[in-house]
Amino acid sequence: MENLTEALSWINLRFLLQGFWVTIEVSVISIILSFVIGLALGLIRFTRIDTKTTRISKVVGVIIDIIRNLPLLLIIFFSYFGLPVMGIRVDAVQASVIAMVVFESAMIAEVVRSGIMAVDPGQMEGARSNGMTYMQAMT
């Protein structure tokens, strides 16, 4: 039992709390950036106004599908070991934020796109016939 009490010393608890705060920092930054980027990518993937945006939408769709099918650990390894090979120097926290943002943005983009596509055409037609704008109907 002495080893357990020694392991719970203030020095070790200080390191655990520092790691906890780094985890919170990485999580908050990743969540905020992922929502912003994922929302933008989801809207880009959904819109098909003319041929130029259709091409962009298809390219974004292919990139999102590739990222969604890669394991997160592979993206983390690439961001930590692969980016320095390409000349981009990052530390461990920056590499983890980059990896989490890339992976989660792809996931959130699909959630946004599928959520918009789930709106029934009859529901949209009914909202528009009641005089709502497109944004009011989507809200």
C-alpha atoms as a PDB file:
ATOM      1  CA  MET A   1       0.000   0.000   0.000  1.00  0.00           C
ATOM      2  CA  GLU A   2       2.972   2.298   0.400  1.00  0.00           C
ATOM      3  CA  ASN A   3       3.566   2.373  -3.348  1.00  0.00           C
ATOM      4  CA  LEU A   4       0.039   3.629  -4.000  1.00  0.00           C
ATOM      5  CA  THR A   5       0.364   6.479  -1.538  1.00  0.00           C
ATOM      6  CA  GLU A   6       3.741   7.380  -3.002  1.00  0.00           C
ATOM      7  CA  ALA A   7       2.235   7.408  -6.490  1.00  0.00           C
ATOM      8  CA  LEU A   8      -0.390   9.901  -5.333  1.00  0.00           C
ATOM      9  CA  SER A   9       2.153  12.452  -4.188  1.00  0.00           C
ATOM     10  CA  TRP A  10       1.707  16.151  -4.986  1.00  0.00           C
ATOM     11  CA  ILE A  11       4.455  16.010  -7.603  1.00  0.00           C
ATOM     12  CA  ASN A  12       2.660  13.287  -9.554  1.00  0.00           C
ATOM     13  CA  LEU A  13      -0.718  14.931  -9.112  1.00  0.00           C
ATOM     14  CA  ARG A  14       0.725  18.168 -10.471  1.00  0.00           C
ATOM     15  CA  PHE A  15       1.829  16.371 -13.656  1.00  0.00           C
ATOM     16  CA  LEU A  16      -1.578  14.723 -13.969  1.00  0.00           C
ATOM     17  CA  LEU A  17      -3.336  18.071 -13.611  1.00  0.00           C
ATOM     18  CA  GLN A  18      -1.034  19.641 -16.207  1.00  0.00           C
ATOM     19  CA  GLY A  19      -1.917  16.817 -18.600  1.00  0.00           C
ATOM     20  CA  PHE A  20      -5.593  17.313 -17.808  1.00  0.00           C
ATOM     21  CA  TRP A  21      -5.378  21.017 -18.726  1.00  0.00           C
ATOM     22  CA  VAL A  22      -3.551  20.234 -21.964  1.00  0.00           C
ATOM     23  CA  THR A  23      -6.334  17.770 -22.811  1.00  0.00           C
ATOM     24  CA  ILE A  24      -8.988  20.402 -22.098  1.00  0.00           C
ATOM     25  CA  GLU A  25      -7.082  22.949 -24.209  1.00  0.00           C
ATOM     26  CA  VAL A  26      -6.735  20.581 -27.169  1.00  0.00           C
ATOM     27  CA  SER A  27     -10.386  19.556 -26.892  1.00  0.00           C
ATOM     28  CA  VAL A  28     -11.818  23.074 -26.765  1.00  0.00           C
ATOM     29  CA  ILE A  29      -9.688  24.359 -29.644  1.00  0.00           C
ATOM     30  CA  SER A  30     -10.431  21.271 -31.741  1.00  0.00           C
ATOM     31  CA  ILE A  31     -14.174  21.418 -31.117  1.00  0.00           C
ATOM     32  CA  ILE A  32     -14.474  25.097 -32.002  1.00  0.00           C
ATOM     33  CA  LEU A  33     -12.369  24.864 -35.163  1.00  0.00           C
ATOM     34  CA  SER A  34     -14.024  21.601 -36.229  1.00  0.00           C
ATOM     35  CA  PHE A  35     -17.510  23.082 -36.007  1.00  0.00           C
ATOM     36  CA  VAL A  36     -16.555  26.138 -38.035  1.00  0.00           C
ATOM     37  CA  ILE A  37     -14.658  24.237 -40.723  1.00  0.00           C
ATOM     38  CA  GLY A  38     -17.131  21.332 -40.768  1.00  0.00           C
ATOM     39  CA  LEU A  39     -20.080  23.694 -41.219  1.00  0.00           C
ATOM     40  CA  ALA A  40     -18.347  25.426 -44.121  1.00  0.00           C
ATOM     41  CA  LEU A  41     -17.373  22.128 -45.773  1.00  0.00           C
ATOM     42  CA  GLY A  42     -20.876  20.713 -45.305  1.00  0.00           C
ATOM     43  CA  LEU A  43     -22.443  23.746 -46.940  1.00  0.00           C
ATOM     44  CA  ILE A  44     -19.910  23.633 -49.788  1.00  0.00           C
ATOM     45  CA  ARG A  45     -20.654  19.953 -50.315  1.00  0.00           C
ATOM     46  CA  PHE A  46     -24.410  20.576 -50.335  1.00  0.00           C
ATOM     47  CA  THR A  47     -24.522  23.546 -52.724  1.00  0.00           C
ATOM     48  CA  ARG A  48     -24.658  22.839 -56.424  1.00  0.00           C
ATOM     49  CA  ILE A  49     -25.545  26.146 -58.041  1.00  0.00           C
ATOM     50  CA  ASP A  50     -23.499  26.117 -61.241  1.00  0.00           C
ATOM     51  CA  THR A  51     -20.833  23.959 -62.826  1.00  0.00           C
ATOM     52  CA  LYS A  52     -17.963  25.636 -60.980  1.00  0.00           C
ATOM     53  CA  THR A  53     -19.462  25.043 -57.529  1.00  0.00           C
ATOM     54  CA  THR A  54     -20.477  21.536 -58.569  1.00  0.00           C
ATOM     55  CA  ARG A  55     -16.838  20.727 -59.342  1.00  0.00           C
ATOM     56  CA  ILE A  56     -15.721  22.226 -56.038  1.00  0.00           C
ATOM     57  CA  SER A  57     -18.450  20.269 -54.260  1.00  0.00           C
ATOM     58  CA  LYS A  58     -17.293  17.016 -55.843  1.00  0.00           C
ATOM     59  CA  VAL A  59     -13.641  17.659 -54.952  1.00  0.00           C
ATOM     60  CA  VAL A  60     -14.587  18.501 -51.359  1.00  0.00           C
ATOM     61  CA  GLY A  61     -16.746  15.367 -51.277  1.00  0.00           C
ATOM     62  CA  VAL A  62     -13.879  13.146 -52.374  1.00  0.00           C
ATOM     63  CA  ILE A  63     -11.524  14.686 -49.812  1.00  0.00           C
ATOM     64  CA  ILE A  64     -14.106  14.289 -47.043  1.00  0.00           C
ATOM     65  CA  ASP A  65     -14.734  10.660 -47.995  1.00  0.00           C
ATOM     66  CA  ILE A  66     -11.014   9.906 -47.954  1.00  0.00           C
ATOM     67  CA  ILE A  67     -10.489  11.541 -44.561  1.00  0.00           C
ATOM     68  CA  ARG A  68     -13.551   9.846 -43.051  1.00  0.00           C
ATOM     69  CA  ASN A  69     -12.225   6.440 -44.078  1.00  0.00           C
ATOM     70  CA  LEU A  70      -8.772   6.954 -42.580  1.00  0.00           C
ATOM     71  CA  PRO A  71      -8.182   5.891 -38.974  1.00  0.00           C
ATOM     72  CA  LEU A  72      -7.699   8.804 -36.579  1.00  0.00           C
ATOM     73  CA  LEU A  73      -4.419   7.321 -35.365  1.00  0.00           C
ATOM     74  CA  LEU A  74      -3.048   7.458 -38.913  1.00  0.00           C
ATOM     75  CA  ILE A  75      -3.973  11.139 -39.192  1.00  0.00           C
ATOM     76  CA  ILE A  76      -2.327  11.826 -35.828  1.00  0.00           C
ATOM     77  CA  PHE A  77       0.847  10.039 -36.916  1.00  0.00           C
ATOM     78  CA  PHE A  78       0.880  11.925 -40.201  1.00  0.00           C
ATOM     79  CA  SER A  79       0.416  15.283 -38.522  1.00  0.00           C
ATOM     80  CA  TYR A  80       3.210  14.602 -36.025  1.00  0.00           C
ATOM     81  CA  PHE A  81       5.712  12.734 -38.215  1.00  0.00           C
ATOM     82  CA  GLY A  82       4.694  13.670 -41.773  1.00  0.00           C
ATOM     83  CA  LEU A  83       4.321  17.435 -41.517  1.00  0.00           C
ATOM     84  CA  PRO A  84       7.952  17.966 -40.381  1.00  0.00           C
ATOM     85  CA  VAL A  85       9.100  15.981 -43.426  1.00  0.00           C
ATOM     86  CA  MET A  86       7.180  18.459 -45.588  1.00  0.00           C
ATOM     87  CA  GLY A  87       8.899  21.368 -43.823  1.00  0.00           C
ATOM     88  CA  ILE A  88       6.103  22.288 -41.404  1.00  0.00           C
ATOM     89  CA  ARG A  89       7.393  22.232 -37.824  1.00  0.00           C
ATOM     90  CA  VAL A  90       4.756  21.469 -35.189  1.00  0.00           C
ATOM     91  CA  ASP A  91       4.946  20.388 -31.574  1.00  0.00           C
ATOM     92  CA  ALA A  92       2.852  17.592 -30.073  1.00  0.00           C
ATOM     93  CA  VAL A  93      -0.070  19.804 -29.027  1.00  0.00           C
ATOM     94  CA  GLN A  94      -0.284  21.521 -32.412  1.00  0.00           C
ATOM     95  CA  ALA A  95      -0.088  18.175 -34.219  1.00  0.00           C
ATOM     96  CA  SER A  96      -2.900  16.753 -32.113  1.00  0.00           C
ATOM     97  CA  VAL A  97      -5.075  19.823 -32.714  1.00  0.00           C
ATOM     98  CA  ILE A  98      -4.429  19.630 -36.460  1.00  0.00           C
ATOM     99  CA  ALA A  99      -5.264  15.920 -36.556  1.00  0.00           C
ATOM    100  CA  MET A 100      -8.436  16.289 -34.507  1.00  0.00           C
ATOM    101  CA  VAL A 101      -9.634  19.282 -36.536  1.00  0.00           C
ATOM    102  CA  VAL A 102      -9.052  17.519 -39.861  1.00  0.00           C
ATOM    103  CA  PHE A 103     -10.803  14.324 -38.765  1.00  0.00           C
ATOM    104  CA  GLU A 104     -13.738  15.887 -36.938  1.00  0.00           C
ATOM    105  CA  SER A 105     -14.319  18.539 -39.622  1.00  0.00           C
ATOM    106  CA  ALA A 106     -14.888  15.777 -42.147  1.00  0.00           C
ATOM    107  CA  MET A 107     -17.338  14.064 -39.809  1.00  0.00           C
ATOM    108  CA  ILE A 108     -19.221  17.275 -39.011  1.00  0.00           C
ATOM    109  CA  ALA A 109     -19.367  18.192 -42.709  1.00  0.00           C
ATOM    110  CA  GLU A 110     -21.225  14.953 -43.406  1.00  0.00           C
ATOM    111  CA  VAL A 111     -23.578  15.572 -40.484  1.00  0.00           C
ATOM    112  CA  VAL A 112     -24.367  19.055 -41.806  1.00  0.00           C
ATOM    113  CA  ARG A 113     -24.863  17.860 -45.378  1.00  0.00           C
ATOM    114  CA  SER A 114     -27.084  14.936 -44.388  1.00  0.00           C
ATOM    115  CA  GLY A 115     -29.067  17.141 -42.011  1.00  0.00           C
ATOM    116  CA  ILE A 116     -29.816  19.613 -44.773  1.00  0.00           C
ATOM    117  CA  MET A 117     -30.690  16.831 -47.203  1.00  0.00           C
ATOM    118  CA  ALA A 118     -33.038  15.276 -44.611  1.00  0.00           C
ATOM    119  CA  VAL A 119     -35.441  18.200 -44.883  1.00  0.00           C
ATOM    120  CA  ASP A 120     -38.425  16.819 -46.732  1.00  0.00           C
ATOM    121  CA  PRO A 121     -39.137  18.635 -50.023  1.00  0.00           C
ATOM    122  CA  GLY A 122     -42.805  18.903 -49.064  1.00  0.00           C
ATOM    123  CA  GLN A 123     -41.861  20.570 -45.805  1.00  0.00           C
ATOM    124  CA  MET A 124     -39.723  23.106 -47.633  1.00  0.00           C
ATOM    125  CA  GLU A 125     -42.458  23.685 -50.176  1.00  0.00           C
ATOM    126  CA  GLY A 126     -45.009  24.240 -47.416  1.00  0.00           C
ATOM    127  CA  ALA A 127     -42.756  26.720 -45.597  1.00  0.00           C
ATOM    128  CA  ARG A 128     -42.017  28.629 -48.811  1.00  0.00           C
ATOM    129  CA  SER A 129     -45.719  28.766 -49.728  1.00  0.00           C
ATOM    130  CA  ASN A 130     -46.393  30.361 -46.335  1.00  0.00           C
ATOM    131  CA  GLY A 131     -44.134  33.238 -47.343  1.00  0.00           C
ATOM    132  CA  MET A 132     -40.956  32.221 -45.515  1.00  0.00           C
ATOM    133  CA  THR A 133     -37.557  32.936 -46.957  1.00  0.00           C
ATOM    134  CA  TYR A 134     -35.166  30.048 -47.578  1.00  0.00           C
ATOM    135  CA  MET A 135     -33.239  30.783 -44.365  1.00  0.00           C
ATOM    136  CA  GLN A 136     -36.452  31.001 -42.314  1.00  0.00           C
ATOM    137  CA  ALA A 137     -37.619  27.706 -43.761  1.00  0.00           C
ATOM    138  CA  MET A 138     -34.296  26.030 -42.980  1.00  0.00           C
ATOM    139  CA  THR A 139     -34.383  27.382 -39.427  1.00  0.00           C
END
